[in-house]
Each structure stands twice: as structure tokens, then as C-alpha cells.
PDB file of N, CA and C in Angstrom:
ATOM      1  N   MET A   1       0.844  -1.165   0.000  1.00  0.00           N
ATOM      2  CA  MET A   1       0.000   0.000   0.000  1.00  0.00           C
ATOM      3  C   MET A   1       0.896   1.236   0.000  1.00  0.00           C
ATOM      4  N   ALA A   2       0.690   2.096  -0.942  1.00  0.00           N
ATOM      5  CA  ALA A   2       1.488   3.318  -1.032  1.00  0.00           C
ATOM      6  C   ALA A   2       1.027   4.327   0.022  1.00  0.00           C
ATOM      7  N   ILE A   3       1.974   5.086   0.509  1.00  0.00           N
ATOM      8  CA  ILE A   3       1.686   6.124   1.495  1.00  0.00           C
ATOM      9  C   ILE A   3       2.085   7.466   0.897  1.00  0.00           C
ATOM     10  N   TYR A   4       1.251   8.459   1.110  1.00  0.00           N
ATOM     11  CA  TYR A   4       1.574   9.807   0.651  1.00  0.00           C
ATOM     12  C   TYR A   4       1.124  10.797   1.710  1.00  0.00           C
ATOM     13  N   GLU A   5       1.578  12.026   1.578  1.00  0.00           N
ATOM     14  CA  GLU A   5       1.212  13.064   2.541  1.00  0.00           C
ATOM     15  C   GLU A   5       0.167  13.991   1.951  1.00  0.00           C
ATOM     16  N   HIS A   6      -0.782  14.362   2.778  1.00  0.00           N
ATOM     17  CA  HIS A   6      -1.790  15.335   2.358  1.00  0.00           C
ATOM     18  C   HIS A   6      -1.066  16.643   2.067  1.00  0.00           C
ATOM     19  N   PRO A   7      -1.352  17.263   0.921  1.00  0.00           N
ATOM     20  CA  PRO A   7      -0.592  18.455   0.523  1.00  0.00           C
ATOM     21  C   PRO A   7      -0.761  19.670   1.440  1.00  0.00           C
ATOM     22  N   MET A   8      -1.870  19.749   2.145  1.00  0.00           N
ATOM     23  CA  MET A   8      -2.101  20.920   2.986  1.00  0.00           C
ATOM     24  C   MET A   8      -1.682  20.696   4.440  1.00  0.00           C
ATOM     25  N   THR A   9      -1.831  19.449   4.927  1.00  0.00           N
ATOM     26  CA  THR A   9      -1.572  19.204   6.338  1.00  0.00           C
ATOM     27  C   THR A   9      -0.324  18.379   6.607  1.00  0.00           C
ATOM     28  N   GLY A  10       0.154  17.653   5.606  1.00  0.00           N
ATOM     29  CA  GLY A  10       1.315  16.803   5.785  1.00  0.00           C
ATOM     30  C   GLY A  10       1.009  15.489   6.481  1.00  0.00           C
ATOM     31  N   VAL A  11      -0.264  15.216   6.749  1.00  0.00           N
ATOM     32  CA  VAL A  11      -0.661  13.966   7.401  1.00  0.00           C
ATOM     33  C   VAL A  11      -0.447  12.806   6.427  1.00  0.00           C
ATOM     34  N   LYS A  12       0.165  11.720   6.921  1.00  0.00           N
ATOM     35  CA  LYS A  12       0.391  10.554   6.077  1.00  0.00           C
ATOM     36  C   LYS A  12      -0.933   9.822   5.852  1.00  0.00           C
ATOM     37  N   LEU A  13      -1.181   9.465   4.596  1.00  0.00           N
ATOM     38  CA  LEU A  13      -2.406   8.778   4.194  1.00  0.00           C
ATOM     39  C   LEU A  13      -2.056   7.540   3.382  1.00  0.00           C
ATOM     40  N   ASN A  14      -2.889   6.514   3.483  1.00  0.00           N
ATOM     41  CA  ASN A  14      -2.753   5.322   2.655  1.00  0.00           C
ATOM     42  C   ASN A  14      -3.460   5.542   1.335  1.00  0.00           C
ATOM     43  N   ASP A  15      -2.838   5.127   0.262  1.00  0.00           N
ATOM     44  CA  ASP A  15      -3.462   5.193  -1.048  1.00  0.00           C
ATOM     45  C   ASP A  15      -4.509   4.092  -1.157  1.00  0.00           C
ATOM     46  N   ILE A  16      -5.665   4.400  -1.699  1.00  0.00           N
ATOM     47  CA  ILE A  16      -6.729   3.409  -1.901  1.00  0.00           C
ATOM     48  C   ILE A  16      -6.667   2.987  -3.367  1.00  0.00           C
ATOM     49  N   SER A  17      -6.199   1.763  -3.586  1.00  0.00           N
ATOM     50  CA  SER A  17      -6.019   1.320  -4.967  1.00  0.00           C
ATOM     51  C   SER A  17      -7.138   0.388  -5.443  1.00  0.00           C
ATOM     52  N   VAL A  18      -7.876  -0.223  -4.511  1.00  0.00           N
ATOM     53  CA  VAL A  18      -8.972  -1.125  -4.885  1.00  0.00           C
ATOM     54  C   VAL A  18     -10.225  -0.687  -4.146  1.00  0.00           C
ATOM     55  N   LYS A  19     -11.325  -0.533  -4.906  1.00  0.00           N
ATOM     56  CA  LYS A  19     -12.623  -0.202  -4.310  1.00  0.00           C
ATOM     57  C   LYS A  19     -13.659  -1.165  -4.863  1.00  0.00           C
ATOM     58  N   ARG A  20     -14.370  -1.840  -3.960  1.00  0.00           N
ATOM     59  CA  ARG A  20     -15.417  -2.778  -4.383  1.00  0.00           C
ATOM     60  C   ARG A  20     -16.722  -2.417  -3.697  1.00  0.00           C
ATOM     61  N   LYS A  21     -17.799  -2.374  -4.464  1.00  0.00           N
ATOM     62  CA  LYS A  21     -19.118  -2.137  -3.880  1.00  0.00           C
ATOM     63  C   LYS A  21     -19.768  -3.438  -3.451  1.00  0.00           C
ATOM     64  N   GLN A  22     -19.388  -4.523  -4.089  1.00  0.00           N
ATOM     65  CA  GLN A  22     -19.905  -5.836  -3.718  1.00  0.00           C
ATOM     66  C   GLN A  22     -18.783  -6.849  -3.873  1.00  0.00           C
ATOM     67  N   LEU A  23     -18.969  -8.012  -3.274  1.00  0.00           N
ATOM     68  CA  LEU A  23     -17.944  -9.047  -3.314  1.00  0.00           C
ATOM     69  C   LEU A  23     -18.400 -10.220  -4.168  1.00  0.00           C
ATOM     70  N   THR A  24     -17.427 -10.922  -4.719  1.00  0.00           N
ATOM     71  CA  THR A  24     -17.685 -12.160  -5.453  1.00  0.00           C
ATOM     72  C   THR A  24     -17.461 -13.332  -4.498  1.00  0.00           C
ATOM     73  N   LEU A  25     -17.792 -14.518  -4.948  1.00  0.00           N
ATOM     74  CA  LEU A  25     -17.554 -15.708  -4.140  1.00  0.00           C
ATOM     75  C   LEU A  25     -16.065 -15.859  -3.828  1.00  0.00           C
ATOM     76  N   ASP A  26     -15.203 -15.670  -4.811  1.00  0.00           N
ATOM     77  CA  ASP A  26     -13.767 -15.799  -4.578  1.00  0.00           C
ATOM     78  C   ASP A  26     -13.272 -14.774  -3.552  1.00  0.00           C
ATOM     79  N   GLU A  27     -13.814 -13.577  -3.593  1.00  0.00           N
ATOM     80  CA  GLU A  27     -13.432 -12.553  -2.626  1.00  0.00           C
ATOM     81  C   GLU A  27     -13.943 -12.910  -1.226  1.00  0.00           C
ATOM     82  N   ALA A  28     -15.122 -13.521  -1.161  1.00  0.00           N
ATOM     83  CA  ALA A  28     -15.666 -13.971   0.125  1.00  0.00           C
ATOM     84  C   ALA A  28     -14.808 -15.090   0.712  1.00  0.00           C
ATOM     85  N   ILE A  29     -14.368 -16.008  -0.127  1.00  0.00           N
ATOM     86  CA  ILE A  29     -13.474 -17.077   0.317  1.00  0.00           C
ATOM     87  C   ILE A  29     -12.174 -16.474   0.831  1.00  0.00           C
ATOM     88  N   THR A  30     -11.654 -15.512   0.102  1.00  0.00           N
ATOM     89  CA  THR A  30     -10.419 -14.838   0.503  1.00  0.00           C
ATOM     90  C   THR A  30     -10.591 -14.155   1.849  1.00  0.00           C
ATOM     91  N   ALA A  31     -11.733 -13.539   2.087  1.00  0.00           N
ATOM     92  CA  ALA A  31     -11.995 -12.892   3.376  1.00  0.00           C
ATOM     93  C   ALA A  31     -11.896 -13.903   4.512  1.00  0.00           C
ATOM     94  N   HIS A  32     -12.489 -15.069   4.334  1.00  0.00           N
ATOM     95  CA  HIS A  32     -12.424 -16.107   5.361  1.00  0.00           C
ATOM     96  C   HIS A  32     -10.988 -16.596   5.570  1.00  0.00           C
ATOM     97  N   ILE A  33     -10.259 -16.761   4.484  1.00  0.00           N
ATOM     98  CA  ILE A  33      -8.876 -17.215   4.592  1.00  0.00           C
ATOM     99  C   ILE A  33      -8.034 -16.185   5.341  1.00  0.00           C
ATOM    100  N   LEU A  34      -8.182 -14.916   4.989  1.00  0.00           N
ATOM    101  CA  LEU A  34      -7.426 -13.862   5.673  1.00  0.00           C
ATOM    102  C   LEU A  34      -7.730 -13.855   7.165  1.00  0.00           C
ATOM    103  N   ARG A  35      -8.993 -14.020   7.505  1.00  0.00           N
ATOM    104  CA  ARG A  35      -9.392 -14.015   8.924  1.00  0.00           C
ATOM    105  C   ARG A  35      -8.777 -15.207   9.650  1.00  0.00           C
ATOM    106  N   GLN A  36      -8.797 -16.376   9.010  1.00  0.00           N
ATOM    107  CA  GLN A  36      -8.204 -17.561   9.616  1.00  0.00           C
ATOM    108  C   GLN A  36      -6.688 -17.433   9.755  1.00  0.00           C
ATOM    109  N   GLN A  37      -6.080 -16.616   8.919  1.00  0.00           N
ATOM    110  CA  GLN A  37      -4.639 -16.390   8.985  1.00  0.00           C
ATOM    111  C   GLN A  37      -4.272 -15.290   9.980  1.00  0.00           C
ATOM    112  N   GLY A  38      -5.276 -14.785  10.714  1.00  0.00           N
ATOM    113  CA  GLY A  38      -4.996 -13.851  11.789  1.00  0.00           C
ATOM    114  C   GLY A  38      -5.229 -12.380  11.495  1.00  0.00           C
ATOM    115  N   GLU A  39      -5.726 -12.060  10.317  1.00  0.00           N
ATOM    116  CA  GLU A  39      -6.024 -10.661   9.991  1.00  0.00           C
ATOM    117  C   GLU A  39      -7.205 -10.182  10.835  1.00  0.00           C
ATOM    118  N   THR A  40      -7.190  -8.942  11.235  1.00  0.00           N
ATOM    119  CA  THR A  40      -8.333  -8.386  11.953  1.00  0.00           C
ATOM    120  C   THR A  40      -9.471  -8.131  10.972  1.00  0.00           C
ATOM    121  N   PHE A  41     -10.664  -7.984  11.523  1.00  0.00           N
ATOM    122  CA  PHE A  41     -11.832  -7.678  10.692  1.00  0.00           C
ATOM    123  C   PHE A  41     -11.568  -6.421   9.870  1.00  0.00           C
ATOM    124  N   THR A  42     -11.062  -5.386  10.521  1.00  0.00           N
ATOM    125  CA  THR A  42     -10.803  -4.111   9.843  1.00  0.00           C
ATOM    126  C   THR A  42      -9.775  -4.269   8.730  1.00  0.00           C
ATOM    127  N   ASP A  43      -8.733  -5.051   8.974  1.00  0.00           N
ATOM    128  CA  ASP A  43      -7.721  -5.262   7.936  1.00  0.00           C
ATOM    129  C   ASP A  43      -8.288  -6.023   6.740  1.00  0.00           C
ATOM    130  N   VAL A  44      -9.159  -6.999   7.004  1.00  0.00           N
ATOM    131  CA  VAL A  44      -9.799  -7.726   5.900  1.00  0.00           C
ATOM    132  C   VAL A  44     -10.619  -6.747   5.053  1.00  0.00           C
ATOM    133  N   VAL A  45     -11.389  -5.899   5.709  1.00  0.00           N
ATOM    134  CA  VAL A  45     -12.199  -4.898   5.000  1.00  0.00           C
ATOM    135  C   VAL A  45     -11.299  -4.022   4.138  1.00  0.00           C
ATOM    136  N   GLN A  46     -10.223  -3.516   4.721  1.00  0.00           N
ATOM    137  CA  GLN A  46      -9.332  -2.615   3.989  1.00  0.00           C
ATOM    138  C   GLN A  46      -8.611  -3.324   2.858  1.00  0.00           C
ATOM    139  N   ARG A  47      -8.159  -4.541   3.100  1.00  0.00           N
ATOM    140  CA  ARG A  47      -7.447  -5.278   2.051  1.00  0.00           C
ATOM    141  C   ARG A  47      -8.346  -5.572   0.849  1.00  0.00           C
ATOM    142  N   LEU A  48      -9.618  -5.843   1.122  1.00  0.00           N
ATOM    143  CA  LEU A  48     -10.547  -6.127   0.028  1.00  0.00           C
ATOM    144  C   LEU A  48     -11.092  -4.855  -0.618  1.00  0.00           C
ATOM    145  N   GLY A  49     -10.872  -3.719   0.007  1.00  0.00           N
ATOM    146  CA  GLY A  49     -11.321  -2.459  -0.583  1.00  0.00           C
ATOM    147  C   GLY A  49     -12.827  -2.323  -0.614  1.00  0.00           C
ATOM    148  N   THR A  50     -13.476  -2.802   0.418  1.00  0.00           N
ATOM    149  CA  THR A  50     -14.932  -2.725   0.490  1.00  0.00           C
ATOM    150  C   THR A  50     -15.322  -2.124   1.830  1.00  0.00           C
ATOM    151  N   ASN A  51     -16.593  -2.188   2.174  1.00  0.00           N
ATOM    152  CA  ASN A  51     -17.006  -1.639   3.473  1.00  0.00           C
ATOM    153  C   ASN A  51     -17.310  -2.780   4.448  1.00  0.00           C
ATOM    154  N   ALA A  52     -17.367  -2.423   5.704  1.00  0.00           N
ATOM    155  CA  ALA A  52     -17.532  -3.418   6.762  1.00  0.00           C
ATOM    156  C   ALA A  52     -18.832  -4.201   6.631  1.00  0.00           C
ATOM    157  N   ASN A  53     -19.872  -3.584   6.111  1.00  0.00           N
ATOM    158  CA  ASN A  53     -21.147  -4.293   5.952  1.00  0.00           C
ATOM    159  C   ASN A  53     -21.014  -5.492   5.026  1.00  0.00           C
ATOM    160  N   ARG A  54     -20.280  -5.326   3.903  1.00  0.00           N
ATOM    161  CA  ARG A  54     -20.133  -6.440   2.957  1.00  0.00           C
ATOM    162  C   ARG A  54     -19.374  -7.593   3.604  1.00  0.00           C
ATOM    163  N   VAL A  55     -18.296  -7.308   4.305  1.00  0.00           N
ATOM    164  CA  VAL A  55     -17.517  -8.362   4.945  1.00  0.00           C
ATOM    165  C   VAL A  55     -18.321  -8.993   6.086  1.00  0.00           C
ATOM    166  N   GLY A  56     -19.062  -8.186   6.824  1.00  0.00           N
ATOM    167  CA  GLY A  56     -19.922  -8.711   7.882  1.00  0.00           C
ATOM    168  C   GLY A  56     -20.950  -9.677   7.334  1.00  0.00           C
ATOM    169  N   GLU A  57     -21.536  -9.361   6.177  1.00  0.00           N
ATOM    170  CA  GLU A  57     -22.505 -10.268   5.546  1.00  0.00           C
ATOM    171  C   GLU A  57     -21.862 -11.609   5.222  1.00  0.00           C
ATOM    172  N   VAL A  58     -20.619 -11.571   4.766  1.00  0.00           N
ATOM    173  CA  VAL A  58     -19.901 -12.806   4.432  1.00  0.00           C
ATOM    174  C   VAL A  58     -19.618 -13.610   5.700  1.00  0.00           C
ATOM    175  N   PHE A  59     -19.090 -12.963   6.730  1.00  0.00           N
ATOM    176  CA  PHE A  59     -18.733 -13.684   7.956  1.00  0.00           C
ATOM    177  C   PHE A  59     -19.959 -14.243   8.681  1.00  0.00           C
ATOM    178  N   ARG A  60     -21.099 -13.557   8.589  1.00  0.00           N
ATOM    179  CA  ARG A  60     -22.338 -14.063   9.205  1.00  0.00           C
ATOM    180  C   ARG A  60     -22.996 -15.153   8.368  1.00  0.00           C
ATOM    181  N   GLY A  61     -22.599 -15.277   7.101  1.00  0.00           N
ATOM    182  CA  GLY A  61     -23.206 -16.263   6.220  1.00  0.00           C
ATOM    183  C   GLY A  61     -24.429 -15.746   5.496  1.00  0.00           C
ATOM    184  N   ASP A  62     -24.705 -14.446   5.612  1.00  0.00           N
ATOM    185  CA  ASP A  62     -25.830 -13.859   4.886  1.00  0.00           C
ATOM    186  C   ASP A  62     -25.548 -13.817   3.389  1.00  0.00           C
ATOM    187  N   ALA A  63     -24.296 -13.603   3.037  1.00  0.00           N
ATOM    188  CA  ALA A  63     -23.862 -13.608   1.632  1.00  0.00           C
ATOM    189  C   ALA A  63     -22.840 -14.727   1.492  1.00  0.00           C
ATOM    190  N   PHE A  64     -22.955 -15.492   0.449  1.00  0.00           N
ATOM    191  CA  PHE A  64     -22.032 -16.591   0.163  1.00  0.00           C
ATOM    192  C   PHE A  64     -21.836 -17.518   1.371  1.00  0.00           C
ATOM    193  N   PRO A  65     -22.905 -18.145   1.842  1.00  0.00           N
ATOM    194  CA  PRO A  65     -22.791 -19.016   3.019  1.00  0.00           C
ATOM    195  C   PRO A  65     -21.829 -20.193   2.815  1.00  0.00           C
ATOM    196  N   GLU A  66     -21.569 -20.548   1.573  1.00  0.00           N
ATOM    197  CA  GLU A  66     -20.655 -21.652   1.274  1.00  0.00           C
ATOM    198  C   GLU A  66     -19.188 -21.242   1.359  1.00  0.00           C
ATOM    199  N   ALA A  67     -18.916 -19.954   1.465  1.00  0.00           N
ATOM    200  CA  ALA A  67     -17.540 -19.454   1.418  1.00  0.00           C
ATOM    201  C   ALA A  67     -16.684 -19.967   2.570  1.00  0.00           C
ATOM    202  N   ALA A  68     -17.243 -20.075   3.769  1.00  0.00           N
ATOM    203  CA  ALA A  68     -16.460 -20.535   4.924  1.00  0.00           C
ATOM    204  C   ALA A  68     -15.958 -21.952   4.702  1.00  0.00           C
ATOM    205  N   MET A  69     -16.805 -22.835   4.217  1.00  0.00           N
ATOM    206  CA  MET A  69     -16.401 -24.223   3.988  1.00  0.00           C
ATOM    207  C   MET A  69     -15.388 -24.307   2.841  1.00  0.00           C
ATOM    208  N   LEU A  70     -15.596 -23.535   1.803  1.00  0.00           N
ATOM    209  CA  LEU A  70     -14.652 -23.543   0.682  1.00  0.00           C
ATOM    210  C   LEU A  70     -13.288 -23.005   1.119  1.00  0.00           C
ATOM    211  N   ALA A  71     -13.279 -22.005   1.991  1.00  0.00           N
ATOM    212  CA  ALA A  71     -12.023 -21.470   2.513  1.00  0.00           C
ATOM    213  C   ALA A  71     -11.309 -22.533   3.344  1.00  0.00           C
ATOM    214  N   LEU A  72     -12.055 -23.235   4.176  1.00  0.00           N
ATOM    215  CA  LEU A  72     -11.479 -24.278   4.999  1.00  0.00           C
ATOM    216  C   LEU A  72     -10.868 -25.386   4.153  1.00  0.00           C
ATOM    217  N   LYS A  73     -11.546 -25.749   3.066  1.00  0.00           N
ATOM    218  CA  LYS A  73     -11.012 -26.767   2.161  1.00  0.00           C
ATOM    219  C   LYS A  73      -9.686 -26.309   1.546  1.00  0.00           C
ATOM    220  N   LYS A  74      -9.619 -25.040   1.159  1.00  0.00           N
ATOM    221  CA  LYS A  74      -8.376 -24.513   0.588  1.00  0.00           C
ATOM    222  C   LYS A  74      -7.254 -24.497   1.624  1.00  0.00           C
ATOM    223  N   LEU A  75      -7.597 -24.163   2.861  1.00  0.00           N
ATOM    224  CA  LEU A  75      -6.593 -24.088   3.912  1.00  0.00           C
ATOM    225  C   LEU A  75      -6.065 -25.453   4.340  1.00  0.00           C
ATOM    226  N   THR A  76      -6.877 -26.483   4.160  1.00  0.00           N
ATOM    227  CA  THR A  76      -6.495 -27.817   4.628  1.00  0.00           C
ATOM    228  C   THR A  76      -6.091 -28.769   3.505  1.00  0.00           C
ATOM    229  N   SER A  77      -6.098 -28.315   2.283  1.00  0.00           N
ATOM    230  CA  SER A  77      -5.735 -29.216   1.179  1.00  0.00           C
ATOM    231  C   SER A  77      -4.272 -29.091   0.815  1.00  0.00           C
TER     232      SER A  77
END
């Protein structure tokens, strides 16, 4: 992630290179894998470039309920 300074204040900011309004099944699987690998909820949200509601839907099973099992299969194969 690139870091730059705000031109007026000099505050360091992270560059946002990926923005997603919705997630795909593969992205949902990736979210579960990242979480199992120790990433925080907030870091998963930021890494996927989406908002907390979308990731929350995935972790609760409201969206892509099969993603958790598919992630587990990838982690254990």
C-alpha cells in the first residue's frame, strides 16, 4: 500500500487502490482465509477495498454461506 502526505496538512495517508461495492464468491473465500490467517476484521475490509457491511454479511453467512467451507477446504488441502 502506497503512502503519501496530504498536501495541505502533511498527514500521512494510505493510497486506496482497490474499491469494491460488492464481493464475489472468490473474494468472500479470501476474506475467510485472511481471517483464519490472523487478519483483523478491519484489515480484511481494507485489504478487500470494500465496506464493513459487505464483509460482515460474508462472515455471518448472509452472503455466500458456502464461502467458509470452501475457505477451509483450501486451507487444509
